[in-house]
């Protein structure tokens, strides 16, 4: 008889605990953790230099077949991020990562890139992009999936548009207009 009473009490206690968490779940806001939402918009220019000397984008894999869409090719990059679209303008960071030809019917790149800022307001911070770049479109939207420093907990998007391209070498300057949703961390 005592074992039934203990068993009943344990079941009753479990029902009460589970019911109370369903009725009034713990609710925390990001402000409870010192996080203040912030939206930042800014512009920079990506200088992709495939030509020698001093190439900053190097094809490390060539696709198995000749393709005018670059399907299967992989390019590793450590490209300059410029303050404005002039090749001689101030370098404010580096685009580090890779892009790969991922579309067999048109030029579509898979971009896996960290934009690392080494000067200016965002010095020491970075943004991470992982997504499709349909380079033949006048404006492309790329997702921002994270960041560090000033962009901790970032998400957002970048609108990319080619400002200059050398059709012989593939060298290009691409404008990035970035909108980032992130948090000021109150430490």
N, C-alpha and C. Protein backbone atom coordinates (compact mmCIF):
# COMPACT_ATOMS: atom_id res chain seq x y z
N UNK A 1 0.81 -1.19 0.00
CA UNK A 1 0.00 0.00 0.00
C UNK A 1 0.86 1.26 0.00
N UNK A 2 1.96 1.22 0.78
CA UNK A 2 2.84 2.38 0.84
C UNK A 2 3.51 2.63 -0.51
N UNK A 3 3.83 1.54 -1.26
CA UNK A 3 4.46 1.70 -2.56
C UNK A 3 3.51 2.36 -3.56
N UNK A 4 2.24 2.10 -3.47
CA UNK A 4 1.27 2.77 -4.35
C UNK A 4 1.20 4.24 -4.01
N UNK A 5 1.24 4.57 -2.77
CA UNK A 5 1.17 5.96 -2.34
C UNK A 5 2.40 6.73 -2.82
N UNK A 6 3.57 6.15 -2.70
CA UNK A 6 4.79 6.81 -3.17
C UNK A 6 4.74 6.96 -4.69
N UNK A 7 4.34 5.91 -5.38
CA UNK A 7 4.23 5.96 -6.83
C UNK A 7 3.23 7.04 -7.26
N UNK A 8 2.08 7.11 -6.61
CA UNK A 8 1.06 8.11 -6.92
C UNK A 8 1.59 9.52 -6.67
N UNK A 9 2.30 9.70 -5.57
CA UNK A 9 2.87 11.02 -5.25
C UNK A 9 3.91 11.45 -6.29
N UNK A 10 4.73 10.50 -6.75
CA UNK A 10 5.74 10.83 -7.77
C UNK A 10 5.06 11.24 -9.07
N UNK A 11 4.04 10.49 -9.49
CA UNK A 11 3.30 10.82 -10.71
C UNK A 11 2.64 12.18 -10.56
N UNK A 12 2.00 12.41 -9.41
CA UNK A 12 1.33 13.69 -9.17
C UNK A 12 2.33 14.84 -9.22
N UNK A 13 3.50 14.66 -8.62
CA UNK A 13 4.54 15.69 -8.62
C UNK A 13 5.01 15.97 -10.05
N UNK A 14 5.20 14.93 -10.85
CA UNK A 14 5.62 15.11 -12.24
C UNK A 14 4.57 15.86 -13.05
N UNK A 15 3.31 15.58 -12.83
CA UNK A 15 2.23 16.29 -13.54
C UNK A 15 2.22 17.76 -13.15
N UNK A 16 2.39 18.04 -11.87
CA UNK A 16 2.39 19.44 -11.41
C UNK A 16 3.57 20.20 -12.01
N UNK A 17 4.75 19.60 -12.00
CA UNK A 17 5.93 20.26 -12.55
C UNK A 17 5.77 20.51 -14.05
N UNK A 18 5.34 19.50 -14.78
CA UNK A 18 5.19 19.68 -16.22
C UNK A 18 4.08 20.65 -16.56
N UNK A 19 3.00 20.67 -15.78
CA UNK A 19 1.91 21.62 -16.02
C UNK A 19 2.34 23.04 -15.76
N UNK A 20 3.12 23.24 -14.72
CA UNK A 20 3.52 24.61 -14.39
C UNK A 20 4.46 25.17 -15.45
N UNK A 21 5.29 24.32 -16.06
CA UNK A 21 6.17 24.83 -17.11
C UNK A 21 5.39 25.08 -18.39
N UNK A 22 4.30 24.36 -18.62
CA UNK A 22 3.48 24.63 -19.80
C UNK A 22 2.65 25.90 -19.63
N UNK A 23 2.17 26.12 -18.41
CA UNK A 23 1.31 27.28 -18.16
C UNK A 23 2.13 28.57 -18.15
N UNK A 24 3.28 28.56 -17.50
CA UNK A 24 4.09 29.78 -17.43
C UNK A 24 5.54 29.45 -17.73
N UNK A 25 5.87 29.28 -19.00
CA UNK A 25 7.25 28.97 -19.35
C UNK A 25 8.15 30.16 -19.03
N UNK A 26 9.40 29.85 -18.77
CA UNK A 26 10.36 30.92 -18.53
C UNK A 26 10.51 31.75 -19.79
N UNK A 27 10.43 33.04 -19.64
CA UNK A 27 10.56 33.91 -20.80
C UNK A 27 11.68 34.91 -20.54
N UNK A 28 12.66 34.87 -21.43
CA UNK A 28 13.77 35.80 -21.35
C UNK A 28 13.81 36.59 -22.64
N UNK A 29 14.15 37.84 -22.53
CA UNK A 29 14.39 38.63 -23.74
C UNK A 29 15.89 38.80 -23.88
N UNK A 30 16.31 39.18 -25.05
CA UNK A 30 17.74 39.41 -25.27
C UNK A 30 18.25 40.53 -24.37
N UNK A 31 17.37 41.46 -23.98
CA UNK A 31 17.78 42.54 -23.08
C UNK A 31 18.15 42.01 -21.70
N UNK A 32 17.57 40.87 -21.28
CA UNK A 32 17.92 40.27 -19.99
C UNK A 32 19.38 39.84 -19.97
N UNK A 33 19.98 39.65 -21.13
CA UNK A 33 21.36 39.22 -21.23
C UNK A 33 22.29 40.35 -21.67
N UNK A 34 21.83 41.59 -21.60
CA UNK A 34 22.66 42.73 -21.98
C UNK A 34 22.81 42.91 -23.47
N UNK A 35 21.87 42.40 -24.27
CA UNK A 35 21.94 42.50 -25.72
C UNK A 35 20.97 43.56 -26.22
N UNK A 36 21.49 44.54 -26.92
CA UNK A 36 20.66 45.60 -27.49
C UNK A 36 20.67 45.45 -29.00
N UNK A 37 19.47 45.29 -29.63
CA UNK A 37 19.44 45.12 -31.09
C UNK A 37 19.94 46.37 -31.82
N UNK A 38 20.60 46.11 -32.94
CA UNK A 38 21.17 47.21 -33.72
C UNK A 38 21.15 46.83 -35.20
N UNK A 39 20.93 47.80 -36.07
CA UNK A 39 21.01 47.61 -37.52
C UNK A 39 22.13 48.50 -38.04
N UNK A 40 23.03 47.93 -38.81
CA UNK A 40 24.14 48.68 -39.39
C UNK A 40 24.11 48.49 -40.90
N UNK A 41 24.23 49.59 -41.63
CA UNK A 41 24.35 49.53 -43.09
C UNK A 41 25.64 50.24 -43.49
N UNK A 42 26.34 49.66 -44.43
CA UNK A 42 27.57 50.29 -44.93
C UNK A 42 27.93 49.69 -46.28
N UNK A 43 28.95 50.26 -46.90
CA UNK A 43 29.37 49.86 -48.25
C UNK A 43 30.88 49.64 -48.26
N UNK A 44 31.30 48.65 -49.03
CA UNK A 44 32.71 48.45 -49.31
C UNK A 44 32.83 47.84 -50.71
N UNK A 45 34.06 47.74 -51.19
CA UNK A 45 34.32 47.24 -52.54
C UNK A 45 35.29 46.06 -52.46
N UNK A 46 34.95 45.00 -53.15
CA UNK A 46 35.68 43.73 -53.17
C UNK A 46 36.51 43.73 -54.45
N UNK A 47 37.85 43.64 -54.32
CA UNK A 47 38.73 43.63 -55.49
C UNK A 47 39.24 42.21 -55.71
N UNK A 48 38.64 41.51 -56.68
CA UNK A 48 38.98 40.13 -57.01
C UNK A 48 40.03 40.15 -58.10
N UNK A 49 41.29 39.78 -57.76
CA UNK A 49 42.40 39.86 -58.70
C UNK A 49 42.91 38.46 -59.05
N UNK A 50 42.48 37.97 -60.22
CA UNK A 50 42.89 36.64 -60.71
C UNK A 50 44.19 36.68 -61.50
N UNK A 51 44.59 37.87 -61.98
CA UNK A 51 45.76 37.97 -62.86
C UNK A 51 47.04 38.13 -62.05
N UNK A 52 48.14 37.69 -62.66
CA UNK A 52 49.46 37.84 -62.06
C UNK A 52 50.01 39.19 -62.48
N UNK A 53 50.96 39.77 -61.84
CA UNK A 53 51.52 39.29 -60.58
C UNK A 53 50.60 39.67 -59.41
N UNK A 54 50.88 39.12 -58.28
CA UNK A 54 50.17 39.41 -57.03
C UNK A 54 48.68 39.05 -57.09
N UNK A 55 48.36 37.94 -57.70
CA UNK A 55 46.96 37.48 -57.72
C UNK A 55 46.50 37.23 -56.29
N UNK A 56 45.26 37.63 -55.99
CA UNK A 56 44.67 37.39 -54.67
C UNK A 56 43.53 36.38 -54.75
N UNK A 57 43.27 35.89 -55.95
CA UNK A 57 42.27 34.85 -56.18
C UNK A 57 42.93 33.80 -57.08
N UNK A 58 43.04 32.57 -56.58
CA UNK A 58 43.77 31.52 -57.29
C UNK A 58 42.87 30.31 -57.49
N UNK A 59 42.75 29.89 -58.77
CA UNK A 59 41.96 28.68 -59.07
C UNK A 59 42.74 27.48 -58.56
N UNK A 60 42.13 26.75 -57.62
CA UNK A 60 42.80 25.59 -57.04
C UNK A 60 42.26 24.28 -57.60
N UNK A 61 41.07 24.33 -58.21
CA UNK A 61 40.48 23.16 -58.86
C UNK A 61 39.84 23.64 -60.16
N UNK A 62 40.08 22.92 -61.23
CA UNK A 62 39.41 23.20 -62.50
C UNK A 62 38.40 22.08 -62.73
N UNK A 63 37.21 22.46 -63.16
CA UNK A 63 36.17 21.46 -63.42
C UNK A 63 36.63 20.39 -64.39
N UNK A 64 36.03 19.20 -64.32
CA UNK A 64 36.47 18.07 -65.16
C UNK A 64 36.18 18.25 -66.65
N UNK A 65 35.28 19.17 -67.00
CA UNK A 65 34.98 19.40 -68.40
C UNK A 65 35.11 20.89 -68.69
N UNK A 66 35.29 21.21 -69.94
CA UNK A 66 35.32 22.61 -70.33
C UNK A 66 33.91 23.15 -70.23
N UNK A 67 33.76 24.22 -69.47
CA UNK A 67 32.43 24.76 -69.24
C UNK A 67 32.49 26.27 -69.23
N UNK A 68 31.56 26.91 -69.92
CA UNK A 68 31.54 28.37 -69.91
C UNK A 68 30.85 28.91 -68.65
N UNK A 69 30.38 28.01 -67.77
CA UNK A 69 29.79 28.45 -66.50
C UNK A 69 30.76 28.24 -65.33
N UNK A 70 31.95 27.71 -65.59
CA UNK A 70 32.98 27.43 -64.58
C UNK A 70 32.55 26.34 -63.60
N UNK A 71 31.55 25.54 -64.00
CA UNK A 71 31.04 24.47 -63.13
C UNK A 71 32.18 23.55 -62.70
N UNK A 72 32.28 23.33 -61.39
CA UNK A 72 33.30 22.45 -60.83
C UNK A 72 34.60 23.13 -60.48
N UNK A 73 34.79 24.36 -60.89
CA UNK A 73 36.01 25.09 -60.56
C UNK A 73 35.91 25.68 -59.15
N UNK A 74 37.04 25.73 -58.46
CA UNK A 74 37.10 26.29 -57.11
C UNK A 74 38.22 27.32 -57.07
N UNK A 75 37.91 28.49 -56.53
CA UNK A 75 38.88 29.58 -56.43
C UNK A 75 39.02 29.96 -54.96
N UNK A 76 40.27 29.94 -54.45
CA UNK A 76 40.58 30.37 -53.09
C UNK A 76 40.94 31.85 -53.15
N UNK A 77 40.40 32.65 -52.20
CA UNK A 77 40.61 34.09 -52.26
C UNK A 77 41.15 34.67 -50.95
N UNK A 78 41.93 35.70 -51.11
CA UNK A 78 42.35 36.59 -50.03
C UNK A 78 42.36 37.99 -50.66
N UNK A 79 41.16 38.44 -51.06
CA UNK A 79 40.99 39.68 -51.83
C UNK A 79 40.90 40.89 -50.92
N UNK A 80 41.34 42.02 -51.45
CA UNK A 80 41.26 43.28 -50.71
C UNK A 80 39.82 43.79 -50.67
N UNK A 81 39.44 44.35 -49.52
CA UNK A 81 38.20 45.12 -49.40
C UNK A 81 38.61 46.58 -49.39
N UNK A 82 38.03 47.34 -50.32
CA UNK A 82 38.44 48.73 -50.52
C UNK A 82 37.38 49.69 -50.00
N UNK A 83 37.85 50.87 -49.63
CA UNK A 83 36.96 51.93 -49.14
C UNK A 83 36.07 52.48 -50.25
N UNK A 84 36.62 52.59 -51.46
CA UNK A 84 35.81 53.01 -52.61
C UNK A 84 36.24 52.20 -53.83
N UNK A 85 35.62 52.46 -54.99
CA UNK A 85 35.84 51.57 -56.13
C UNK A 85 37.14 51.79 -56.88
N UNK A 86 37.96 52.73 -56.48
CA UNK A 86 39.27 52.92 -57.09
C UNK A 86 40.23 51.85 -56.59
N UNK A 87 40.97 51.20 -57.52
CA UNK A 87 41.90 50.15 -57.13
C UNK A 87 42.96 50.64 -56.16
N UNK A 88 43.25 51.92 -56.17
CA UNK A 88 44.26 52.47 -55.28
C UNK A 88 43.70 53.00 -53.97
N UNK A 89 42.43 52.77 -53.71
CA UNK A 89 41.84 53.31 -52.48
C UNK A 89 42.29 52.52 -51.25
N UNK A 90 42.00 53.05 -50.09
CA UNK A 90 42.42 52.46 -48.82
C UNK A 90 41.84 51.05 -48.65
N UNK A 91 42.71 50.12 -48.24
CA UNK A 91 42.26 48.75 -47.94
C UNK A 91 41.72 48.74 -46.51
N UNK A 92 40.46 48.31 -46.36
CA UNK A 92 39.83 48.27 -45.04
C UNK A 92 39.65 46.85 -44.52
N UNK A 93 40.04 45.86 -45.33
CA UNK A 93 39.91 44.48 -44.89
C UNK A 93 40.23 43.50 -46.00
N UNK A 94 39.90 42.24 -45.74
CA UNK A 94 40.16 41.17 -46.70
C UNK A 94 38.92 40.29 -46.82
N UNK A 95 38.68 39.80 -48.03
CA UNK A 95 37.67 38.77 -48.27
C UNK A 95 38.43 37.46 -48.35
N UNK A 96 38.21 36.58 -47.38
CA UNK A 96 38.97 35.35 -47.29
C UNK A 96 38.04 34.14 -47.33
N UNK A 97 38.34 33.21 -48.20
CA UNK A 97 37.52 32.02 -48.32
C UNK A 97 37.63 31.43 -49.71
N UNK A 98 36.47 31.03 -50.25
CA UNK A 98 36.49 30.46 -51.59
C UNK A 98 35.15 30.68 -52.28
N UNK A 99 35.21 30.57 -53.59
CA UNK A 99 33.97 30.49 -54.37
C UNK A 99 34.15 29.38 -55.39
N UNK A 100 33.02 28.76 -55.73
CA UNK A 100 33.07 27.60 -56.62
C UNK A 100 31.94 27.68 -57.64
N UNK A 101 32.22 27.26 -58.87
CA UNK A 101 31.20 27.17 -59.90
C UNK A 101 30.23 26.05 -59.55
N UNK A 102 28.98 26.41 -59.27
CA UNK A 102 28.02 25.43 -58.76
C UNK A 102 26.79 25.27 -59.64
N UNK A 103 26.79 25.89 -60.82
CA UNK A 103 25.63 25.84 -61.71
C UNK A 103 26.10 25.39 -63.09
N UNK A 104 25.42 24.42 -63.66
CA UNK A 104 25.81 23.90 -64.98
C UNK A 104 25.19 24.68 -66.14
N UNK A 105 24.19 25.53 -65.86
CA UNK A 105 23.49 26.21 -66.96
C UNK A 105 23.80 27.70 -67.06
N UNK A 106 24.26 28.32 -65.98
CA UNK A 106 24.63 29.73 -66.01
C UNK A 106 25.75 29.93 -64.99
N UNK A 107 26.35 31.11 -64.98
CA UNK A 107 27.43 31.35 -64.01
C UNK A 107 26.78 31.62 -62.66
N UNK A 108 26.87 30.64 -61.79
CA UNK A 108 26.36 30.75 -60.42
C UNK A 108 27.40 30.21 -59.47
N UNK A 109 27.85 31.05 -58.56
CA UNK A 109 28.92 30.67 -57.66
C UNK A 109 28.38 30.36 -56.27
N UNK A 110 28.96 29.37 -55.64
CA UNK A 110 28.76 29.14 -54.22
C UNK A 110 29.84 29.94 -53.52
N UNK A 111 29.43 30.90 -52.68
CA UNK A 111 30.36 31.78 -51.97
C UNK A 111 30.46 31.32 -50.51
N UNK A 112 31.68 31.07 -50.06
CA UNK A 112 31.96 30.75 -48.65
C UNK A 112 33.08 31.71 -48.26
N UNK A 113 32.69 32.87 -47.73
CA UNK A 113 33.65 33.96 -47.55
C UNK A 113 33.46 34.65 -46.21
N UNK A 114 34.59 34.97 -45.57
CA UNK A 114 34.60 35.84 -44.40
C UNK A 114 35.13 37.20 -44.84
N UNK A 115 34.39 38.25 -44.52
CA UNK A 115 34.84 39.61 -44.77
C UNK A 115 35.45 40.10 -43.46
N UNK A 116 36.79 40.18 -43.44
CA UNK A 116 37.55 40.50 -42.23
C UNK A 116 37.98 41.96 -42.33
N UNK A 117 37.52 42.78 -41.38
CA UNK A 117 37.81 44.21 -41.41
C UNK A 117 39.06 44.50 -40.59
N UNK A 118 40.04 45.18 -41.22
CA UNK A 118 41.33 45.44 -40.59
C UNK A 118 41.60 46.91 -40.37
N UNK A 119 40.66 47.77 -40.73
CA UNK A 119 40.82 49.21 -40.55
C UNK A 119 39.44 49.85 -40.45
N UNK A 120 39.40 51.05 -39.93
CA UNK A 120 38.15 51.78 -39.87
C UNK A 120 37.28 51.40 -38.69
N UNK A 121 36.03 51.77 -38.77
CA UNK A 121 35.07 51.61 -37.69
C UNK A 121 34.91 50.16 -37.23
N UNK A 122 35.05 49.20 -38.16
CA UNK A 122 34.80 47.80 -37.83
C UNK A 122 36.09 46.98 -37.72
N UNK A 123 37.22 47.66 -37.51
CA UNK A 123 38.50 47.00 -37.37
C UNK A 123 38.41 45.89 -36.32
N UNK A 124 38.86 44.67 -36.70
CA UNK A 124 38.84 43.54 -35.78
C UNK A 124 37.56 42.74 -35.84
N UNK A 125 36.60 43.14 -36.65
CA UNK A 125 35.32 42.44 -36.78
C UNK A 125 35.27 41.71 -38.11
N UNK A 126 34.32 40.79 -38.23
CA UNK A 126 34.15 40.09 -39.50
C UNK A 126 32.69 39.74 -39.73
N UNK A 127 32.38 39.47 -40.99
CA UNK A 127 31.06 38.98 -41.40
C UNK A 127 31.26 37.71 -42.21
N UNK A 128 30.35 36.75 -42.06
CA UNK A 128 30.44 35.49 -42.79
C UNK A 128 29.29 35.36 -43.77
N UNK A 129 29.63 35.02 -45.01
CA UNK A 129 28.64 34.84 -46.08
C UNK A 129 28.73 33.41 -46.59
N UNK A 130 27.57 32.81 -46.76
CA UNK A 130 27.48 31.48 -47.37
C UNK A 130 26.24 31.49 -48.24
N UNK A 131 26.43 31.45 -49.57
CA UNK A 131 25.26 31.49 -50.43
C UNK A 131 25.62 31.55 -51.90
N UNK A 132 24.59 31.73 -52.71
CA UNK A 132 24.71 31.74 -54.17
C UNK A 132 24.94 33.15 -54.67
N UNK A 133 25.86 33.29 -55.61
CA UNK A 133 26.13 34.57 -56.27
C UNK A 133 25.90 34.36 -57.76
N UNK A 134 24.78 34.86 -58.26
CA UNK A 134 24.44 34.77 -59.69
C UNK A 134 25.11 35.95 -60.39
N UNK A 135 26.40 35.82 -60.70
CA UNK A 135 27.25 36.94 -61.09
C UNK A 135 26.81 37.67 -62.36
N UNK A 136 25.99 37.07 -63.21
CA UNK A 136 25.55 37.76 -64.43
C UNK A 136 24.39 38.72 -64.17
N UNK A 137 23.78 38.66 -63.01
CA UNK A 137 22.71 39.60 -62.67
C UNK A 137 23.32 40.93 -62.25
N UNK A 138 22.64 42.04 -62.56
CA UNK A 138 23.20 43.34 -62.20
C UNK A 138 23.33 43.53 -60.68
N UNK A 139 22.38 43.00 -59.92
CA UNK A 139 22.44 43.07 -58.45
C UNK A 139 22.13 41.68 -57.91
N UNK A 140 22.99 41.22 -57.00
CA UNK A 140 22.82 39.91 -56.39
C UNK A 140 22.67 40.08 -54.88
N UNK A 141 21.86 39.23 -54.28
CA UNK A 141 21.67 39.25 -52.83
C UNK A 141 22.34 38.03 -52.22
N UNK A 142 23.20 38.28 -51.24
CA UNK A 142 23.92 37.21 -50.55
C UNK A 142 23.58 37.24 -49.08
N UNK A 143 23.37 36.08 -48.45
CA UNK A 143 23.03 36.06 -47.03
C UNK A 143 24.25 36.22 -46.13
N UNK A 144 24.08 36.99 -45.07
CA UNK A 144 25.09 37.09 -44.02
C UNK A 144 24.60 36.21 -42.88
N UNK A 145 25.42 35.23 -42.51
CA UNK A 145 24.99 34.22 -41.55
C UNK A 145 25.62 34.36 -40.17
N UNK A 146 26.56 35.26 -40.02
CA UNK A 146 27.20 35.41 -38.71
C UNK A 146 28.28 36.48 -38.77
N UNK A 147 28.94 36.65 -37.64
CA UNK A 147 29.99 37.63 -37.57
C UNK A 147 30.71 37.57 -36.24
N UNK A 148 31.75 38.39 -36.13
CA UNK A 148 32.52 38.49 -34.89
C UNK A 148 32.72 39.95 -34.54
N UNK A 149 33.20 40.20 -33.33
CA UNK A 149 33.48 41.56 -32.90
C UNK A 149 32.21 42.40 -32.86
N UNK A 150 32.22 43.54 -33.55
CA UNK A 150 31.05 44.42 -33.60
C UNK A 150 29.84 43.72 -34.20
N UNK A 151 30.07 42.63 -34.95
CA UNK A 151 28.98 41.92 -35.62
C UNK A 151 28.65 40.58 -34.97
N UNK A 152 28.95 40.44 -33.70
CA UNK A 152 28.61 39.21 -32.98
C UNK A 152 27.11 38.96 -33.09
N UNK A 153 26.72 37.72 -33.35
CA UNK A 153 25.33 37.30 -33.53
C UNK A 153 24.67 37.93 -34.76
N UNK A 154 25.46 38.28 -35.77
CA UNK A 154 24.95 38.97 -36.96
C UNK A 154 24.12 38.06 -37.85
N UNK A 155 23.18 38.68 -38.51
CA UNK A 155 22.48 38.11 -39.66
C UNK A 155 22.11 39.28 -40.54
N UNK A 156 21.92 39.02 -41.81
CA UNK A 156 21.58 40.11 -42.71
C UNK A 156 21.80 39.72 -44.16
N UNK A 157 22.09 40.73 -44.96
CA UNK A 157 22.29 40.46 -46.39
C UNK A 157 23.22 41.51 -46.98
N UNK A 158 23.80 41.12 -48.12
CA UNK A 158 24.66 42.02 -48.89
C UNK A 158 24.12 42.07 -50.31
N UNK A 159 23.99 43.27 -50.86
CA UNK A 159 23.63 43.45 -52.26
C UNK A 159 24.92 43.74 -53.02
N UNK A 160 25.25 42.86 -53.94
CA UNK A 160 26.50 42.97 -54.69
C UNK A 160 26.22 43.38 -56.12
N UNK A 161 27.04 44.31 -56.63
CA UNK A 161 26.93 44.70 -58.04
C UNK A 161 28.34 44.95 -58.60
N UNK A 162 28.59 44.39 -59.76
CA UNK A 162 29.90 44.52 -60.38
C UNK A 162 30.06 45.92 -60.93
N UNK A 163 31.14 46.59 -60.53
CA UNK A 163 31.43 47.96 -60.99
C UNK A 163 32.44 47.97 -62.13
N UNK A 164 33.32 46.98 -62.16
CA UNK A 164 34.33 46.91 -63.21
C UNK A 164 34.77 45.46 -63.36
N UNK A 165 34.96 45.03 -64.60
CA UNK A 165 35.49 43.69 -64.85
C UNK A 165 36.40 43.73 -66.08
N UNK A 166 37.52 43.02 -66.00
CA UNK A 166 38.41 42.83 -67.14
C UNK A 166 38.06 41.47 -67.73
N UNK A 167 37.43 41.46 -68.89
CA UNK A 167 36.96 40.21 -69.49
C UNK A 167 38.09 39.28 -69.90
N UNK A 168 39.31 39.80 -70.06
CA UNK A 168 40.45 38.95 -70.41
C UNK A 168 41.02 38.21 -69.20
N UNK A 169 41.12 38.90 -68.07
CA UNK A 169 41.75 38.30 -66.89
C UNK A 169 40.75 37.79 -65.85
N UNK A 170 39.55 38.34 -65.85
CA UNK A 170 38.57 38.01 -64.82
C UNK A 170 38.66 38.91 -63.59
N UNK A 171 39.66 39.80 -63.56
CA UNK A 171 39.77 40.75 -62.44
C UNK A 171 38.49 41.58 -62.38
N UNK A 172 38.05 41.88 -61.15
CA UNK A 172 36.79 42.62 -61.02
C UNK A 172 36.76 43.41 -59.72
N UNK A 173 35.98 44.47 -59.74
CA UNK A 173 35.66 45.22 -58.52
C UNK A 173 34.15 45.15 -58.36
N UNK A 174 33.74 44.69 -57.17
CA UNK A 174 32.32 44.48 -56.88
C UNK A 174 31.93 45.33 -55.67
N UNK A 175 30.87 46.11 -55.83
CA UNK A 175 30.36 46.92 -54.73
C UNK A 175 29.46 46.06 -53.85
N UNK A 176 29.64 46.16 -52.55
CA UNK A 176 28.79 45.46 -51.58
C UNK A 176 28.09 46.49 -50.71
N UNK A 177 26.75 46.50 -50.75
CA UNK A 177 25.94 47.30 -49.83
C UNK A 177 25.37 46.33 -48.81
N UNK A 178 25.78 46.49 -47.56
CA UNK A 178 25.52 45.51 -46.52
C UNK A 178 24.53 46.05 -45.51
N UNK A 179 23.57 45.22 -45.13
CA UNK A 179 22.66 45.50 -44.01
C UNK A 179 22.81 44.36 -43.03
N UNK A 180 23.19 44.71 -41.80
CA UNK A 180 23.48 43.71 -40.78
C UNK A 180 22.63 43.98 -39.54
N UNK A 181 21.96 42.94 -39.07
CA UNK A 181 21.22 43.00 -37.81
C UNK A 181 22.08 42.27 -36.78
N UNK A 182 22.44 42.98 -35.72
CA UNK A 182 23.32 42.39 -34.71
C UNK A 182 23.00 43.02 -33.37
N UNK A 183 23.84 42.80 -32.38
CA UNK A 183 23.57 43.29 -31.03
C UNK A 183 24.78 44.02 -30.49
N UNK A 184 24.50 45.13 -29.79
CA UNK A 184 25.54 45.76 -28.98
C UNK A 184 25.65 44.92 -27.72
N UNK A 185 26.83 44.45 -27.43
CA UNK A 185 27.02 43.63 -26.25
C UNK A 185 27.44 44.56 -25.11
N UNK A 186 26.60 44.67 -24.07
CA UNK A 186 26.91 45.50 -22.91
C UNK A 186 27.72 44.68 -21.92
N UNK A 187 29.02 44.91 -21.92
CA UNK A 187 29.90 44.14 -21.03
C UNK A 187 30.28 44.98 -19.84
